Amino acid sequence: MKTKLVQILLISFLVITFQGCIVGTVVSAPFKIAGAVVNTVTPDIVGDTISGTGDVIDAVIPF
Protein backbone atom coordinates (compact mmCIF):
# COMPACT_ATOMS: atom_id res chain seq x y z
CA MET A 1 0.00 0.00 0.00
CA LYS A 2 2.78 2.41 0.91
CA THR A 3 4.71 1.73 -2.29
CA LYS A 4 1.58 2.38 -4.38
CA LEU A 5 1.16 5.78 -2.70
CA VAL A 6 4.80 6.64 -3.33
CA GLN A 7 4.43 5.65 -6.99
CA ILE A 8 1.35 7.82 -7.42
CA LEU A 9 3.04 10.80 -5.77
CA LEU A 10 6.17 10.36 -7.88
CA ILE A 11 4.20 10.14 -11.12
CA SER A 12 2.13 13.20 -10.14
CA PHE A 13 5.28 15.16 -9.35
CA LEU A 14 6.88 14.23 -12.67
CA VAL A 15 3.78 15.19 -14.64
CA ILE A 16 3.58 18.59 -12.96
CA THR A 17 7.31 19.15 -13.38
CA PHE A 18 7.36 18.43 -17.10
CA GLN A 19 4.06 20.14 -17.84
CA GLY A 20 4.70 23.29 -15.88
CA CYS A 21 2.12 25.12 -13.93
CA ILE A 22 -1.02 26.36 -15.55
CA VAL A 23 -1.11 29.89 -14.08
CA GLY A 24 0.48 31.57 -17.10
CA THR A 25 -1.81 29.74 -19.49
CA VAL A 26 -4.92 30.69 -17.52
CA VAL A 27 -3.90 34.34 -17.29
CA SER A 28 -3.11 34.58 -21.00
CA ALA A 29 -6.20 32.71 -22.22
CA PRO A 30 -8.56 35.74 -22.27
CA PHE A 31 -6.08 37.66 -24.44
CA LYS A 32 -5.71 34.78 -26.87
CA ILE A 33 -9.48 34.30 -27.11
CA ALA A 34 -10.13 38.01 -27.51
CA GLY A 35 -7.45 38.18 -30.23
CA ALA A 36 -9.08 35.33 -32.12
CA VAL A 37 -12.50 36.99 -31.91
CA VAL A 38 -11.13 40.38 -32.95
CA ASN A 39 -9.39 38.74 -35.93
CA THR A 40 -12.77 37.82 -37.37
CA VAL A 41 -14.04 41.42 -37.54
CA THR A 42 -10.95 43.60 -37.90
CA PRO A 43 -7.67 43.46 -39.81
CA ASP A 44 -5.34 40.67 -38.69
CA ILE A 45 -2.76 43.02 -37.20
CA VAL A 46 -5.17 44.11 -34.46
CA GLY A 47 -6.15 40.60 -33.37
CA ASP A 48 -2.60 39.34 -33.72
CA THR A 49 -1.38 42.10 -31.40
CA ILE A 50 -3.91 41.09 -28.75
CA SER A 51 -3.01 37.40 -29.14
CA GLY A 52 0.67 38.34 -28.99
CA THR A 53 0.06 39.98 -25.63
CA GLY A 54 -1.32 36.65 -24.40
CA ASP A 55 1.76 34.85 -25.71
CA VAL A 56 4.05 37.29 -23.89
CA ILE A 57 2.12 36.87 -20.66
CA ASP A 58 2.32 33.09 -21.00
CA ALA A 59 6.08 33.27 -21.55
CA VAL A 60 6.77 35.78 -18.75
CA ILE A 61 4.85 34.05 -15.96
CA PRO A 62 7.15 31.20 -14.94
CA PHE A 63 4.69 29.32 -12.77
PDB file of N, CA and C in Angstrom:
ATOM      1  N   MET A   1       0.823  -1.188   0.000  1.00  0.00           N
ATOM      2  CA  MET A   1       0.000   0.000   0.000  1.00  0.00           C
ATOM      3  C   MET A   1       0.867   1.252   0.000  1.00  0.00           C
ATOM      4  N   LYS A   2       1.917   1.243   0.811  1.00  0.00           N
ATOM      5  CA  LYS A   2       2.783   2.408   0.911  1.00  0.00           C
ATOM      6  C   LYS A   2       3.537   2.625  -0.406  1.00  0.00           C
ATOM      7  N   THR A   3       3.983   1.565  -1.038  1.00  0.00           N
ATOM      8  CA  THR A   3       4.712   1.727  -2.294  1.00  0.00           C
ATOM      9  C   THR A   3       3.796   2.260  -3.402  1.00  0.00           C
ATOM     10  N   LYS A   4       2.536   1.885  -3.385  1.00  0.00           N
ATOM     11  CA  LYS A   4       1.580   2.384  -4.381  1.00  0.00           C
ATOM     12  C   LYS A   4       1.387   3.893  -4.212  1.00  0.00           C
ATOM     13  N   LEU A   5       1.295   4.350  -2.973  1.00  0.00           N
ATOM     14  CA  LEU A   5       1.156   5.781  -2.700  1.00  0.00           C
ATOM     15  C   LEU A   5       2.394   6.543  -3.157  1.00  0.00           C
ATOM     16  N   VAL A   6       3.555   6.002  -2.904  1.00  0.00           N
ATOM     17  CA  VAL A   6       4.797   6.640  -3.326  1.00  0.00           C
ATOM     18  C   VAL A   6       4.866   6.703  -4.851  1.00  0.00           C
ATOM     19  N   GLN A   7       4.442   5.654  -5.527  1.00  0.00           N
ATOM     20  CA  GLN A   7       4.431   5.649  -6.990  1.00  0.00           C
ATOM     21  C   GLN A   7       3.482   6.714  -7.537  1.00  0.00           C
ATOM     22  N   ILE A   8       2.320   6.824  -6.960  1.00  0.00           N
ATOM     23  CA  ILE A   8       1.349   7.824  -7.417  1.00  0.00           C
ATOM     24  C   ILE A   8       1.882   9.230  -7.200  1.00  0.00           C
ATOM     25  N   LEU A   9       2.479   9.480  -6.050  1.00  0.00           N
ATOM     26  CA  LEU A   9       3.041  10.803  -5.768  1.00  0.00           C
ATOM     27  C   LEU A   9       4.206  11.119  -6.710  1.00  0.00           C
ATOM     28  N   LEU A  10       5.044  10.145  -6.985  1.00  0.00           N
ATOM     29  CA  LEU A  10       6.171  10.357  -7.880  1.00  0.00           C
ATOM     30  C   LEU A  10       5.700  10.657  -9.294  1.00  0.00           C
ATOM     31  N   ILE A  11       4.733   9.913  -9.779  1.00  0.00           N
ATOM     32  CA  ILE A  11       4.204  10.144 -11.119  1.00  0.00           C
ATOM     33  C   ILE A  11       3.532  11.515 -11.199  1.00  0.00           C
ATOM     34  N   SER A  12       2.779  11.884 -10.169  1.00  0.00           N
ATOM     35  CA  SER A  12       2.131  13.198 -10.142  1.00  0.00           C
ATOM     36  C   SER A  12       3.167  14.317 -10.160  1.00  0.00           C
ATOM     37  N   PHE A  13       4.219  14.157  -9.379  1.00  0.00           N
ATOM     38  CA  PHE A  13       5.283  15.160  -9.347  1.00  0.00           C
ATOM     39  C   PHE A  13       5.955  15.294 -10.707  1.00  0.00           C
ATOM     40  N   LEU A  14       6.236  14.182 -11.362  1.00  0.00           N
ATOM     41  CA  LEU A  14       6.878  14.226 -12.669  1.00  0.00           C
ATOM     42  C   LEU A  14       5.981  14.886 -13.720  1.00  0.00           C
ATOM     43  N   VAL A  15       4.704  14.586 -13.676  1.00  0.00           N
ATOM     44  CA  VAL A  15       3.783  15.193 -14.636  1.00  0.00           C
ATOM     45  C   VAL A  15       3.725  16.705 -14.449  1.00  0.00           C
ATOM     46  N   ILE A  16       3.628  17.148 -13.223  1.00  0.00           N
ATOM     47  CA  ILE A  16       3.578  18.589 -12.959  1.00  0.00           C
ATOM     48  C   ILE A  16       4.898  19.255 -13.322  1.00  0.00           C
ATOM     49  N   THR A  17       6.000  18.585 -13.073  1.00  0.00           N
ATOM     50  CA  THR A  17       7.308  19.150 -13.381  1.00  0.00           C
ATOM     51  C   THR A  17       7.494  19.334 -14.882  1.00  0.00           C
ATOM     52  N   PHE A  18       7.146  18.335 -15.664  1.00  0.00           N
ATOM     53  CA  PHE A  18       7.356  18.427 -17.099  1.00  0.00           C
ATOM     54  C   PHE A  18       6.302  19.273 -17.793  1.00  0.00           C
ATOM     55  N   GLN A  19       5.127  19.351 -17.232  1.00  0.00           N
ATOM     56  CA  GLN A  19       4.062  20.139 -17.840  1.00  0.00           C
ATOM     57  C   GLN A  19       4.212  21.613 -17.504  1.00  0.00           C
ATOM     58  N   GLY A  20       4.663  21.915 -16.334  1.00  0.00           N
ATOM     59  CA  GLY A  20       4.699  23.291 -15.880  1.00  0.00           C
ATOM     60  C   GLY A  20       3.375  23.628 -15.228  1.00  0.00           C
ATOM     61  N   CYS A  21       3.353  24.736 -14.593  1.00  0.00           N
ATOM     62  CA  CYS A  21       2.116  25.124 -13.931  1.00  0.00           C
ATOM     63  C   CYS A  21       1.200  25.818 -14.927  1.00  0.00           C
ATOM     64  N   ILE A  22      -0.022  25.890 -14.606  1.00  0.00           N
ATOM     65  CA  ILE A  22      -1.021  26.365 -15.546  1.00  0.00           C
ATOM     66  C   ILE A  22      -1.374  27.835 -15.340  1.00  0.00           C
ATOM     67  N   VAL A  23      -0.739  28.508 -14.398  1.00  0.00           N
ATOM     68  CA  VAL A  23      -1.110  29.890 -14.083  1.00  0.00           C
ATOM     69  C   VAL A  23      -0.918  30.805 -15.289  1.00  0.00           C
ATOM     70  N   GLY A  24       0.224  30.721 -15.931  1.00  0.00           N
ATOM     71  CA  GLY A  24       0.484  31.572 -17.095  1.00  0.00           C
ATOM     72  C   GLY A  24      -0.499  31.333 -18.219  1.00  0.00           C
ATOM     73  N   THR A  25      -0.858  30.087 -18.434  1.00  0.00           N
ATOM     74  CA  THR A  25      -1.813  29.742 -19.488  1.00  0.00           C
ATOM     75  C   THR A  25      -3.196  30.293 -19.170  1.00  0.00           C
ATOM     76  N   VAL A  26      -3.602  30.199 -17.920  1.00  0.00           N
ATOM     77  CA  VAL A  26      -4.918  30.691 -17.523  1.00  0.00           C
ATOM     78  C   VAL A  26      -4.977  32.209 -17.636  1.00  0.00           C
ATOM     79  N   VAL A  27      -3.916  32.883 -17.233  1.00  0.00           N
ATOM     80  CA  VAL A  27      -3.905  34.345 -17.290  1.00  0.00           C
ATOM     81  C   VAL A  27      -3.890  34.835 -18.738  1.00  0.00           C
ATOM     82  N   SER A  28      -3.212  34.126 -19.618  1.00  0.00           N
ATOM     83  CA  SER A  28      -3.107  34.576 -21.003  1.00  0.00           C
ATOM     84  C   SER A  28      -4.290  34.152 -21.870  1.00  0.00           C
ATOM     85  N   ALA A  29      -5.093  33.215 -21.406  1.00  0.00           N
ATOM     86  CA  ALA A  29      -6.203  32.706 -22.217  1.00  0.00           C
ATOM     87  C   ALA A  29      -7.187  33.786 -22.662  1.00  0.00           C
ATOM     88  N   PRO A  30      -7.618  34.706 -21.786  1.00  0.00           N
ATOM     89  CA  PRO A  30      -8.559  35.738 -22.269  1.00  0.00           C
ATOM     90  C   PRO A  30      -7.994  36.595 -23.408  1.00  0.00           C
ATOM     91  N   PHE A  31      -6.695  36.874 -23.368  1.00  0.00           N
ATOM     92  CA  PHE A  31      -6.084  37.659 -24.436  1.00  0.00           C
ATOM     93  C   PHE A  31      -6.057  36.887 -25.747  1.00  0.00           C
ATOM     94  N   LYS A  32      -5.743  35.597 -25.659  1.00  0.00           N
ATOM     95  CA  LYS A  32      -5.707  34.775 -26.867  1.00  0.00           C
ATOM     96  C   LYS A  32      -7.102  34.622 -27.470  1.00  0.00           C
ATOM     97  N   ILE A  33      -8.099  34.441 -26.624  1.00  0.00           N
ATOM     98  CA  ILE A  33      -9.476  34.301 -27.111  1.00  0.00           C
ATOM     99  C   ILE A  33      -9.968  35.619 -27.698  1.00  0.00           C
ATOM    100  N   ALA A  34      -9.708  36.703 -27.001  1.00  0.00           N
ATOM    101  CA  ALA A  34     -10.127  38.014 -27.511  1.00  0.00           C
ATOM    102  C   ALA A  34      -9.435  38.316 -28.837  1.00  0.00           C
ATOM    103  N   GLY A  35      -8.172  37.966 -28.967  1.00  0.00           N
ATOM    104  CA  GLY A  35      -7.454  38.177 -30.225  1.00  0.00           C
ATOM    105  C   GLY A  35      -8.051  37.379 -31.359  1.00  0.00           C
ATOM    106  N   ALA A  36      -8.455  36.152 -31.079  1.00  0.00           N
ATOM    107  CA  ALA A  36      -9.077  35.328 -32.122  1.00  0.00           C
ATOM    108  C   ALA A  36     -10.427  35.899 -32.543  1.00  0.00           C
ATOM    109  N   VAL A  37     -11.189  36.403 -31.588  1.00  0.00           N
ATOM    110  CA  VAL A  37     -12.498  36.994 -31.908  1.00  0.00           C
ATOM    111  C   VAL A  37     -12.313  38.290 -32.694  1.00  0.00           C
ATOM    112  N   VAL A  38     -11.377  39.115 -32.268  1.00  0.00           N
ATOM    113  CA  VAL A  38     -11.132  40.380 -32.952  1.00  0.00           C
ATOM    114  C   VAL A  38     -10.627  40.133 -34.371  1.00  0.00           C
ATOM    115  N   ASN A  39      -9.878  39.068 -34.588  1.00  0.00           N
ATOM    116  CA  ASN A  39      -9.386  38.738 -35.930  1.00  0.00           C
ATOM    117  C   ASN A  39     -10.514  38.511 -36.918  1.00  0.00           C
ATOM    118  N   THR A  40     -11.669  38.103 -36.449  1.00  0.00           N
ATOM    119  CA  THR A  40     -12.769  37.823 -37.375  1.00  0.00           C
ATOM    120  C   THR A  40     -13.446  39.092 -37.873  1.00  0.00           C
ATOM    121  N   VAL A  41     -13.329  40.203 -37.151  1.00  0.00           N
ATOM    122  CA  VAL A  41     -14.044  41.423 -37.539  1.00  0.00           C
ATOM    123  C   VAL A  41     -13.133  42.590 -37.890  1.00  0.00           C
ATOM    124  N   THR A  42     -11.874  42.503 -37.609  1.00  0.00           N
ATOM    125  CA  THR A  42     -10.946  43.601 -37.903  1.00  0.00           C
ATOM    126  C   THR A  42      -9.755  43.053 -38.683  1.00  0.00           C
ATOM    127  N   PRO A  43      -8.885  43.938 -39.143  1.00  0.00           N
ATOM    128  CA  PRO A  43      -7.669  43.456 -39.808  1.00  0.00           C
ATOM    129  C   PRO A  43      -6.832  42.564 -38.879  1.00  0.00           C
ATOM    130  N   ASP A  44      -6.101  41.661 -39.466  1.00  0.00           N
ATOM    131  CA  ASP A  44      -5.340  40.674 -38.694  1.00  0.00           C
ATOM    132  C   ASP A  44      -4.351  41.295 -37.719  1.00  0.00           C
ATOM    133  N   ILE A  45      -3.794  42.433 -38.063  1.00  0.00           N
ATOM    134  CA  ILE A  45      -2.764  43.022 -37.197  1.00  0.00           C
ATOM    135  C   ILE A  45      -3.316  43.363 -35.814  1.00  0.00           C
ATOM    136  N   VAL A  46      -4.577  43.745 -35.747  1.00  0.00           N
ATOM    137  CA  VAL A  46      -5.171  44.110 -34.456  1.00  0.00           C
ATOM    138  C   VAL A  46      -5.332  42.866 -33.581  1.00  0.00           C
ATOM    139  N   GLY A  47      -5.956  41.834 -34.133  1.00  0.00           N
ATOM    140  CA  GLY A  47      -6.151  40.601 -33.369  1.00  0.00           C
ATOM    141  C   GLY A  47      -4.845  39.906 -33.032  1.00  0.00           C
ATOM    142  N   ASP A  48      -3.888  39.968 -33.977  1.00  0.00           N
ATOM    143  CA  ASP A  48      -2.595  39.337 -33.720  1.00  0.00           C
ATOM    144  C   ASP A  48      -1.843  40.041 -32.595  1.00  0.00           C
ATOM    145  N   THR A  49      -2.021  41.358 -32.491  1.00  0.00           N
ATOM    146  CA  THR A  49      -1.383  42.099 -31.405  1.00  0.00           C
ATOM    147  C   THR A  49      -1.955  41.678 -30.055  1.00  0.00           C
ATOM    148  N   ILE A  50      -3.274  41.522 -30.008  1.00  0.00           N
ATOM    149  CA  ILE A  50      -3.906  41.094 -28.751  1.00  0.00           C
ATOM    150  C   ILE A  50      -3.470  39.672 -28.401  1.00  0.00           C
ATOM    151  N   SER A  51      -3.454  38.776 -29.386  1.00  0.00           N
ATOM    152  CA  SER A  51      -3.009  37.403 -29.144  1.00  0.00           C
ATOM    153  C   SER A  51      -1.535  37.367 -28.747  1.00  0.00           C
ATOM    154  N   GLY A  52      -0.748  38.253 -29.350  1.00  0.00           N
ATOM    155  CA  GLY A  52       0.672  38.338 -28.994  1.00  0.00           C
ATOM    156  C   GLY A  52       0.874  38.741 -27.548  1.00  0.00           C
ATOM    157  N   THR A  53      -0.002  39.599 -27.053  1.00  0.00           N
ATOM    158  CA  THR A  53       0.055  39.977 -25.633  1.00  0.00           C
ATOM    159  C   THR A  53      -0.146  38.748 -24.754  1.00  0.00           C
ATOM    160  N   GLY A  54      -1.099  37.891 -25.142  1.00  0.00           N
ATOM    161  CA  GLY A  54      -1.322  36.648 -24.401  1.00  0.00           C
ATOM    162  C   GLY A  54      -0.108  35.740 -24.443  1.00  0.00           C
ATOM    163  N   ASP A  55       0.555  35.681 -25.603  1.00  0.00           N
ATOM    164  CA  ASP A  55       1.758  34.849 -25.708  1.00  0.00           C
ATOM    165  C   ASP A  55       2.878  35.373 -24.812  1.00  0.00           C
ATOM    166  N   VAL A  56       3.020  36.693 -24.757  1.00  0.00           N
ATOM    167  CA  VAL A  56       4.055  37.290 -23.894  1.00  0.00           C
ATOM    168  C   VAL A  56       3.748  37.002 -22.430  1.00  0.00           C
ATOM    169  N   ILE A  57       2.494  37.156 -22.045  1.00  0.00           N
ATOM    170  CA  ILE A  57       2.118  36.871 -20.655  1.00  0.00           C
ATOM    171  C   ILE A  57       2.408  35.419 -20.308  1.00  0.00           C
ATOM    172  N   ASP A  58       2.078  34.520 -21.236  1.00  0.00           N
ATOM    173  CA  ASP A  58       2.317  33.090 -21.004  1.00  0.00           C
ATOM    174  C   ASP A  58       3.807  32.801 -20.857  1.00  0.00           C
ATOM    175  N   ALA A  59       4.633  33.502 -21.613  1.00  0.00           N
ATOM    176  CA  ALA A  59       6.077  33.274 -21.546  1.00  0.00           C
ATOM    177  C   ALA A  59       6.707  33.904 -20.303  1.00  0.00           C
ATOM    178  N   VAL A  60       6.166  35.037 -19.864  1.00  0.00           N
ATOM    179  CA  VAL A  60       6.771  35.775 -18.753  1.00  0.00           C
ATOM    180  C   VAL A  60       6.449  35.141 -17.401  1.00  0.00           C
ATOM    181  N   ILE A  61       5.225  34.635 -17.249  1.00  0.00           N
ATOM    182  CA  ILE A  61       4.849  34.047 -15.961  1.00  0.00           C
ATOM    183  C   ILE A  61       5.463  32.654 -15.863  1.00  0.00           C
ATOM    184  N   PRO A  62       6.419  32.469 -14.985  1.00  0.00           N
ATOM    185  CA  PRO A  62       7.153  31.202 -14.942  1.00  0.00           C
ATOM    186  C   PRO A  62       6.443  30.084 -14.186  1.00  0.00           C
ATOM    187  N   PHE A  63       5.342  30.360 -13.559  1.00  0.00           N
ATOM    188  CA  PHE A  63       4.691  29.317 -12.769  1.00  0.00           C
ATOM    189  C   PHE A  63       3.283  29.099 -13.223  1.00  0.00           C
TER     190      PHE A  63
END
